[in-house]
Amino acid sequence: MTIEERFKAAEAAVVSLTAERDDLRKTVEASVVDVSAELEALKLESAAHAQKVQELETALAEANAKVAELEASKATGSAEAAVILAASGVDPVAAPVAQAVVGSICEQYAAMPVGAERRAFFKKHKAVLFSAK
């Protein structure tokens, strides 16, 4: 091979490599643009989710405040109802006894030995003992 042939072969290789480099550059630049667009979309989506979380936290705080307010008004309402009923001559009704308390009273009664103390306990807790059955 002559020097001119070598030169032309080298020149052809350089042209080929330059074209390949340009193609790779275009591919990389297009990928960068795609990734940048996807990143921006994800940032917007993340911001929207963060805003939604903030809204839900605010709504939860408002709901908790409302629950606390309702619980307070329930207690106040029960007291007011008792006063109104007492003023109208109606005997007050005992508040419902929690199930754990009922079970505890039943267990205490069952564990007591027969005698005066058990009878006194029965008289005191008669309503609870009968409501448990």
N, C-alpha and C. Protein backbone atom coordinates (compact mmCIF):
# COMPACT_ATOMS: atom_id res chain seq x y z
N MET A 1 0.82 -1.17 0.00
CA MET A 1 0.00 0.00 0.00
C MET A 1 0.87 1.24 0.00
N THR A 2 0.45 2.18 -0.81
CA THR A 2 1.21 3.41 -0.94
C THR A 2 0.77 4.39 0.14
N ILE A 3 1.57 5.42 0.23
CA ILE A 3 1.29 6.44 1.22
C ILE A 3 -0.04 7.13 0.90
N GLU A 4 -0.32 7.35 -0.35
CA GLU A 4 -1.58 8.01 -0.73
C GLU A 4 -2.77 7.12 -0.37
N GLU A 5 -2.64 5.83 -0.58
CA GLU A 5 -3.72 4.91 -0.23
C GLU A 5 -3.94 4.88 1.29
N ARG A 6 -2.83 4.87 2.01
CA ARG A 6 -2.91 4.91 3.47
C ARG A 6 -3.58 6.20 3.93
N PHE A 7 -3.19 7.29 3.30
CA PHE A 7 -3.77 8.60 3.65
C PHE A 7 -5.27 8.60 3.39
N LYS A 8 -5.68 8.11 2.22
CA LYS A 8 -7.11 8.08 1.90
C LYS A 8 -7.87 7.16 2.85
N ALA A 9 -7.26 6.01 3.22
CA ALA A 9 -7.90 5.09 4.16
C ALA A 9 -8.04 5.75 5.53
N ALA A 10 -6.98 6.45 5.96
CA ALA A 10 -7.02 7.15 7.24
C ALA A 10 -8.05 8.26 7.21
N GLU A 11 -8.10 9.00 6.09
CA GLU A 11 -9.06 10.09 5.93
C GLU A 11 -10.50 9.52 5.95
N ALA A 12 -10.73 8.40 5.33
CA ALA A 12 -12.05 7.77 5.33
C ALA A 12 -12.42 7.32 6.75
N ALA A 13 -11.43 6.78 7.47
CA ALA A 13 -11.67 6.35 8.85
C ALA A 13 -12.02 7.55 9.73
N VAL A 14 -11.30 8.67 9.52
CA VAL A 14 -11.58 9.89 10.29
C VAL A 14 -12.98 10.40 9.98
N VAL A 15 -13.36 10.40 8.71
CA VAL A 15 -14.70 10.87 8.33
C VAL A 15 -15.76 9.96 8.95
N SER A 16 -15.52 8.66 8.90
CA SER A 16 -16.47 7.69 9.46
C SER A 16 -16.60 7.88 10.97
N LEU A 17 -15.47 8.02 11.65
CA LEU A 17 -15.49 8.22 13.10
C LEU A 17 -16.13 9.56 13.47
N THR A 18 -15.89 10.58 12.67
CA THR A 18 -16.51 11.88 12.92
C THR A 18 -18.03 11.78 12.78
N ALA A 19 -18.51 11.09 11.79
CA ALA A 19 -19.95 10.90 11.60
C ALA A 19 -20.54 10.11 12.77
N GLU A 20 -19.82 9.06 13.18
CA GLU A 20 -20.29 8.25 14.31
C GLU A 20 -20.33 9.08 15.59
N ARG A 21 -19.30 9.92 15.79
CA ARG A 21 -19.28 10.80 16.97
C ARG A 21 -20.44 11.77 16.94
N ASP A 22 -20.73 12.35 15.77
CA ASP A 22 -21.84 13.29 15.65
C ASP A 22 -23.19 12.61 15.94
N ASP A 23 -23.34 11.37 15.47
CA ASP A 23 -24.57 10.62 15.76
C ASP A 23 -24.70 10.36 17.26
N LEU A 24 -23.61 9.95 17.89
CA LEU A 24 -23.64 9.71 19.33
C LEU A 24 -23.95 10.99 20.11
N ARG A 25 -23.38 12.11 19.66
CA ARG A 25 -23.63 13.39 20.31
C ARG A 25 -25.11 13.74 20.23
N LYS A 26 -25.71 13.55 19.05
CA LYS A 26 -27.14 13.85 18.87
C LYS A 26 -27.99 12.95 19.78
N THR A 27 -27.61 11.68 19.86
CA THR A 27 -28.36 10.74 20.71
C THR A 27 -28.27 11.15 22.17
N VAL A 28 -27.07 11.51 22.61
CA VAL A 28 -26.88 11.93 24.01
C VAL A 28 -27.65 13.22 24.29
N GLU A 29 -27.58 14.18 23.38
CA GLU A 29 -28.30 15.44 23.58
C GLU A 29 -29.80 15.22 23.62
N ALA A 30 -30.31 14.34 22.77
CA ALA A 30 -31.74 14.03 22.78
C ALA A 30 -32.12 13.35 24.10
N SER A 31 -31.27 12.45 24.57
CA SER A 31 -31.54 11.77 25.85
C SER A 31 -31.54 12.76 27.00
N VAL A 32 -30.61 13.70 26.97
CA VAL A 32 -30.54 14.72 28.03
C VAL A 32 -31.82 15.56 28.02
N VAL A 33 -32.31 15.92 26.85
CA VAL A 33 -33.54 16.70 26.76
C VAL A 33 -34.71 15.89 27.31
N ASP A 34 -34.79 14.60 26.94
CA ASP A 34 -35.88 13.74 27.43
C ASP A 34 -35.82 13.60 28.95
N VAL A 35 -34.63 13.35 29.47
CA VAL A 35 -34.48 13.17 30.91
C VAL A 35 -34.80 14.48 31.64
N SER A 36 -34.40 15.60 31.08
CA SER A 36 -34.70 16.89 31.70
C SER A 36 -36.20 17.14 31.73
N ALA A 37 -36.89 16.82 30.65
CA ALA A 37 -38.34 16.99 30.61
C ALA A 37 -39.01 16.06 31.61
N GLU A 38 -38.54 14.84 31.71
CA GLU A 38 -39.10 13.89 32.67
C GLU A 38 -38.84 14.34 34.10
N LEU A 39 -37.64 14.87 34.35
CA LEU A 39 -37.31 15.38 35.67
C LEU A 39 -38.22 16.54 36.06
N GLU A 40 -38.48 17.45 35.15
CA GLU A 40 -39.37 18.57 35.42
C GLU A 40 -40.79 18.09 35.72
N ALA A 41 -41.24 17.09 34.95
CA ALA A 41 -42.58 16.54 35.19
C ALA A 41 -42.66 15.90 36.57
N LEU A 42 -41.61 15.18 36.95
CA LEU A 42 -41.59 14.56 38.27
C LEU A 42 -41.53 15.60 39.39
N LYS A 43 -40.81 16.70 39.15
CA LYS A 43 -40.76 17.77 40.14
C LYS A 43 -42.14 18.38 40.33
N LEU A 44 -42.85 18.60 39.22
CA LEU A 44 -44.21 19.15 39.32
C LEU A 44 -45.14 18.19 40.04
N GLU A 45 -45.03 16.91 39.72
CA GLU A 45 -45.87 15.90 40.37
C GLU A 45 -45.57 15.84 41.87
N SER A 46 -44.29 15.90 42.21
CA SER A 46 -43.88 15.88 43.62
C SER A 46 -44.43 17.10 44.36
N ALA A 47 -44.37 18.25 43.74
CA ALA A 47 -44.90 19.46 44.36
C ALA A 47 -46.41 19.35 44.56
N ALA A 48 -47.10 18.76 43.59
CA ALA A 48 -48.55 18.57 43.72
C ALA A 48 -48.87 17.61 44.86
N HIS A 49 -48.07 16.54 44.98
CA HIS A 49 -48.28 15.60 46.07
C HIS A 49 -48.00 16.26 47.43
N ALA A 50 -46.95 17.05 47.49
CA ALA A 50 -46.63 17.74 48.74
C ALA A 50 -47.75 18.69 49.13
N GLN A 51 -48.31 19.39 48.15
CA GLN A 51 -49.42 20.30 48.44
C GLN A 51 -50.63 19.51 48.92
N LYS A 52 -50.90 18.37 48.31
CA LYS A 52 -52.04 17.53 48.72
C LYS A 52 -51.85 17.03 50.14
N VAL A 53 -50.63 16.62 50.46
CA VAL A 53 -50.33 16.16 51.83
C VAL A 53 -50.58 17.30 52.82
N GLN A 54 -50.15 18.49 52.47
CA GLN A 54 -50.36 19.64 53.34
C GLN A 54 -51.85 19.90 53.53
N GLU A 55 -52.62 19.82 52.45
CA GLU A 55 -54.08 20.02 52.55
C GLU A 55 -54.71 18.96 53.44
N LEU A 56 -54.27 17.71 53.29
CA LEU A 56 -54.83 16.63 54.10
C LEU A 56 -54.45 16.78 55.57
N GLU A 57 -53.23 17.23 55.84
CA GLU A 57 -52.83 17.47 57.22
C GLU A 57 -53.65 18.59 57.84
N THR A 58 -53.92 19.63 57.07
CA THR A 58 -54.75 20.72 57.55
C THR A 58 -56.17 20.23 57.82
N ALA A 59 -56.71 19.42 56.90
CA ALA A 59 -58.06 18.88 57.08
C ALA A 59 -58.12 17.97 58.30
N LEU A 60 -57.06 17.19 58.52
CA LEU A 60 -57.01 16.31 59.69
C LEU A 60 -56.98 17.12 60.97
N ALA A 61 -56.19 18.18 60.99
CA ALA A 61 -56.13 19.04 62.18
C ALA A 61 -57.49 19.67 62.46
N GLU A 62 -58.17 20.11 61.39
CA GLU A 62 -59.50 20.69 61.57
C GLU A 62 -60.49 19.64 62.08
N ALA A 63 -60.39 18.43 61.55
CA ALA A 63 -61.29 17.36 61.99
C ALA A 63 -61.03 17.00 63.45
N ASN A 64 -59.75 16.95 63.84
CA ASN A 64 -59.43 16.66 65.24
C ASN A 64 -59.95 17.77 66.16
N ALA A 65 -59.85 19.01 65.73
CA ALA A 65 -60.37 20.12 66.52
C ALA A 65 -61.89 20.01 66.64
N LYS A 66 -62.54 19.64 65.55
CA LYS A 66 -64.00 19.49 65.56
C LYS A 66 -64.41 18.35 66.50
N VAL A 67 -63.66 17.24 66.46
CA VAL A 67 -63.95 16.12 67.35
C VAL A 67 -63.81 16.55 68.81
N ALA A 68 -62.75 17.27 69.11
CA ALA A 68 -62.56 17.75 70.48
C ALA A 68 -63.71 18.69 70.89
N GLU A 69 -64.11 19.54 69.96
CA GLU A 69 -65.23 20.46 70.24
C GLU A 69 -66.52 19.69 70.48
N LEU A 70 -66.77 18.68 69.66
CA LEU A 70 -67.98 17.87 69.82
C LEU A 70 -67.96 17.08 71.13
N GLU A 71 -66.80 16.54 71.48
CA GLU A 71 -66.68 15.83 72.76
C GLU A 71 -66.98 16.76 73.93
N ALA A 72 -66.45 17.98 73.84
CA ALA A 72 -66.70 18.95 74.92
C ALA A 72 -68.19 19.33 74.96
N SER A 73 -68.79 19.53 73.80
CA SER A 73 -70.21 19.89 73.80
C SER A 73 -71.07 18.71 74.23
N LYS A 74 -70.62 17.49 73.97
CA LYS A 74 -71.36 16.30 74.41
C LYS A 74 -71.42 16.26 75.93
N ALA A 75 -70.28 16.50 76.56
CA ALA A 75 -70.25 16.50 78.02
C ALA A 75 -71.12 17.63 78.56
N THR A 76 -70.99 18.79 77.94
CA THR A 76 -71.79 19.94 78.38
C THR A 76 -73.27 19.67 78.14
N GLY A 77 -73.59 19.07 76.99
CA GLY A 77 -74.98 18.76 76.67
C GLY A 77 -75.57 17.75 77.64
N SER A 78 -74.79 16.76 78.02
CA SER A 78 -75.26 15.77 78.98
C SER A 78 -75.54 16.42 80.33
N ALA A 79 -74.67 17.31 80.74
CA ALA A 79 -74.88 18.00 82.02
C ALA A 79 -76.11 18.89 81.95
N GLU A 80 -76.27 19.62 80.83
CA GLU A 80 -77.43 20.48 80.67
C GLU A 80 -78.72 19.66 80.64
N ALA A 81 -78.70 18.52 79.97
CA ALA A 81 -79.88 17.66 79.91
C ALA A 81 -80.24 17.15 81.30
N ALA A 82 -79.23 16.78 82.06
CA ALA A 82 -79.49 16.31 83.43
C ALA A 82 -80.11 17.41 84.28
N VAL A 83 -79.63 18.64 84.12
CA VAL A 83 -80.19 19.77 84.88
C VAL A 83 -81.64 20.02 84.47
N ILE A 84 -81.91 19.98 83.16
CA ILE A 84 -83.27 20.23 82.67
C ILE A 84 -84.22 19.13 83.16
N LEU A 85 -83.76 17.88 83.07
CA LEU A 85 -84.61 16.78 83.54
C LEU A 85 -84.83 16.85 85.04
N ALA A 86 -83.81 17.20 85.78
CA ALA A 86 -83.95 17.32 87.23
C ALA A 86 -84.92 18.44 87.57
N ALA A 87 -84.87 19.54 86.82
CA ALA A 87 -85.76 20.67 87.08
C ALA A 87 -87.21 20.31 86.75
N SER A 88 -87.41 19.39 85.82
CA SER A 88 -88.78 19.01 85.45
C SER A 88 -89.30 17.87 86.31
N GLY A 89 -88.51 17.39 87.24
CA GLY A 89 -88.97 16.39 88.18
C GLY A 89 -88.71 14.96 87.74
N VAL A 90 -87.94 14.75 86.69
CA VAL A 90 -87.62 13.40 86.22
C VAL A 90 -86.39 12.91 86.98
N ASP A 91 -86.49 11.69 87.43
CA ASP A 91 -85.34 11.10 88.13
C ASP A 91 -84.19 10.92 87.15
N PRO A 92 -82.96 11.21 87.57
CA PRO A 92 -81.83 11.05 86.66
C PRO A 92 -81.60 9.57 86.34
N VAL A 93 -81.17 9.34 85.13
CA VAL A 93 -80.86 7.99 84.68
C VAL A 93 -79.35 7.81 84.79
N ALA A 94 -78.97 6.66 85.32
CA ALA A 94 -77.54 6.40 85.46
C ALA A 94 -76.91 6.27 84.08
N ALA A 95 -75.72 6.78 83.96
CA ALA A 95 -74.99 6.68 82.69
C ALA A 95 -74.66 5.22 82.42
N PRO A 96 -74.61 4.83 81.17
CA PRO A 96 -74.26 3.44 80.86
C PRO A 96 -72.89 3.10 81.43
N VAL A 97 -72.78 1.92 81.97
CA VAL A 97 -71.53 1.48 82.57
C VAL A 97 -70.70 0.80 81.49
N ALA A 98 -69.44 1.13 81.44
CA ALA A 98 -68.55 0.53 80.44
C ALA A 98 -68.49 -0.97 80.61
N GLN A 99 -68.32 -1.70 79.52
CA GLN A 99 -68.32 -3.17 79.55
C GLN A 99 -67.22 -3.71 80.45
N ALA A 100 -66.07 -3.06 80.48
CA ALA A 100 -64.97 -3.52 81.33
C ALA A 100 -65.35 -3.43 82.79
N VAL A 101 -66.05 -2.35 83.15
CA VAL A 101 -66.49 -2.18 84.53
C VAL A 101 -67.51 -3.24 84.88
N VAL A 102 -68.45 -3.53 83.97
CA VAL A 102 -69.46 -4.56 84.20
C VAL A 102 -68.78 -5.89 84.46
N GLY A 103 -67.83 -6.24 83.60
CA GLY A 103 -67.11 -7.49 83.78
C GLY A 103 -66.37 -7.53 85.10
N SER A 104 -65.78 -6.43 85.46
CA SER A 104 -65.04 -6.36 86.71
C SER A 104 -65.98 -6.54 87.91
N ILE A 105 -67.14 -5.92 87.87
CA ILE A 105 -68.11 -6.03 88.97
C ILE A 105 -68.64 -7.46 89.05
N CYS A 106 -68.94 -8.06 87.89
CA CYS A 106 -69.41 -9.44 87.88
C CYS A 106 -68.37 -10.39 88.44
N GLU A 107 -67.13 -10.17 88.07
CA GLU A 107 -66.06 -11.02 88.58
C GLU A 107 -65.88 -10.85 90.09
N GLN A 108 -65.96 -9.61 90.54
CA GLN A 108 -65.84 -9.35 91.97
C GLN A 108 -66.96 -10.05 92.73
N TYR A 109 -68.17 -9.93 92.21
CA TYR A 109 -69.32 -10.55 92.88
C TYR A 109 -69.17 -12.06 92.91
N ALA A 110 -68.75 -12.65 91.79
CA ALA A 110 -68.59 -14.10 91.73
C ALA A 110 -67.48 -14.59 92.65
N ALA A 111 -66.49 -13.78 92.88
CA ALA A 111 -65.36 -14.18 93.72
C ALA A 111 -65.64 -14.02 95.21
N MET A 112 -66.70 -13.31 95.57
CA MET A 112 -66.99 -13.07 96.98
C MET A 112 -67.61 -14.31 97.64
N PRO A 113 -67.26 -14.54 98.89
CA PRO A 113 -67.90 -15.65 99.61
C PRO A 113 -69.33 -15.27 100.01
N VAL A 114 -70.17 -16.27 100.13
CA VAL A 114 -71.56 -16.03 100.51
C VAL A 114 -71.58 -15.41 101.90
N GLY A 115 -72.41 -14.35 102.04
CA GLY A 115 -72.50 -13.71 103.35
C GLY A 115 -73.06 -12.31 103.20
N ALA A 116 -72.97 -11.57 104.31
CA ALA A 116 -73.54 -10.23 104.37
C ALA A 116 -72.83 -9.27 103.42
N GLU A 117 -71.53 -9.43 103.32
CA GLU A 117 -70.77 -8.53 102.45
C GLU A 117 -71.18 -8.72 100.99
N ARG A 118 -71.40 -9.97 100.59
CA ARG A 118 -71.83 -10.26 99.22
C ARG A 118 -73.23 -9.70 98.97
N ARG A 119 -74.12 -9.83 99.93
CA ARG A 119 -75.47 -9.28 99.78
C ARG A 119 -75.42 -7.76 99.65
N ALA A 120 -74.59 -7.11 100.46
CA ALA A 120 -74.47 -5.65 100.39
C ALA A 120 -73.91 -5.23 99.03
N PHE A 121 -72.91 -5.97 98.54
CA PHE A 121 -72.33 -5.69 97.21
C PHE A 121 -73.39 -5.86 96.13
N PHE A 122 -74.20 -6.93 96.26
CA PHE A 122 -75.27 -7.18 95.30
C PHE A 122 -76.27 -6.03 95.28
N LYS A 123 -76.69 -5.57 96.46
CA LYS A 123 -77.66 -4.46 96.53
C LYS A 123 -77.09 -3.20 95.90
N LYS A 124 -75.82 -2.97 96.14
CA LYS A 124 -75.18 -1.75 95.62
C LYS A 124 -75.06 -1.81 94.09
N HIS A 125 -74.76 -2.97 93.54
CA HIS A 125 -74.48 -3.11 92.11
C HIS A 125 -75.54 -3.94 91.38
N LYS A 126 -76.74 -3.95 91.91
CA LYS A 126 -77.82 -4.79 91.37
C LYS A 126 -78.10 -4.46 89.89
N ALA A 127 -78.20 -3.18 89.58
CA ALA A 127 -78.51 -2.78 88.21
C ALA A 127 -77.42 -3.23 87.23
N VAL A 128 -76.18 -3.09 87.62
CA VAL A 128 -75.07 -3.49 86.75
C VAL A 128 -75.05 -4.99 86.57
N LEU A 129 -75.25 -5.73 87.66
CA LEU A 129 -75.22 -7.17 87.58
C LEU A 129 -76.34 -7.72 86.69
N PHE A 130 -77.52 -7.15 86.77
CA PHE A 130 -78.62 -7.61 85.92
C PHE A 130 -78.45 -7.17 84.47
N SER A 131 -77.81 -6.03 84.24
CA SER A 131 -77.61 -5.59 82.86
C SER A 131 -76.53 -6.41 82.16
N ALA A 132 -75.69 -7.07 82.92
CA ALA A 132 -74.62 -7.87 82.33
C ALA A 132 -75.14 -9.18 81.75
N LYS A 133 -76.33 -9.60 82.17
CA LYS A 133 -76.86 -10.90 81.72
C LYS A 133 -77.60 -10.79 80.45
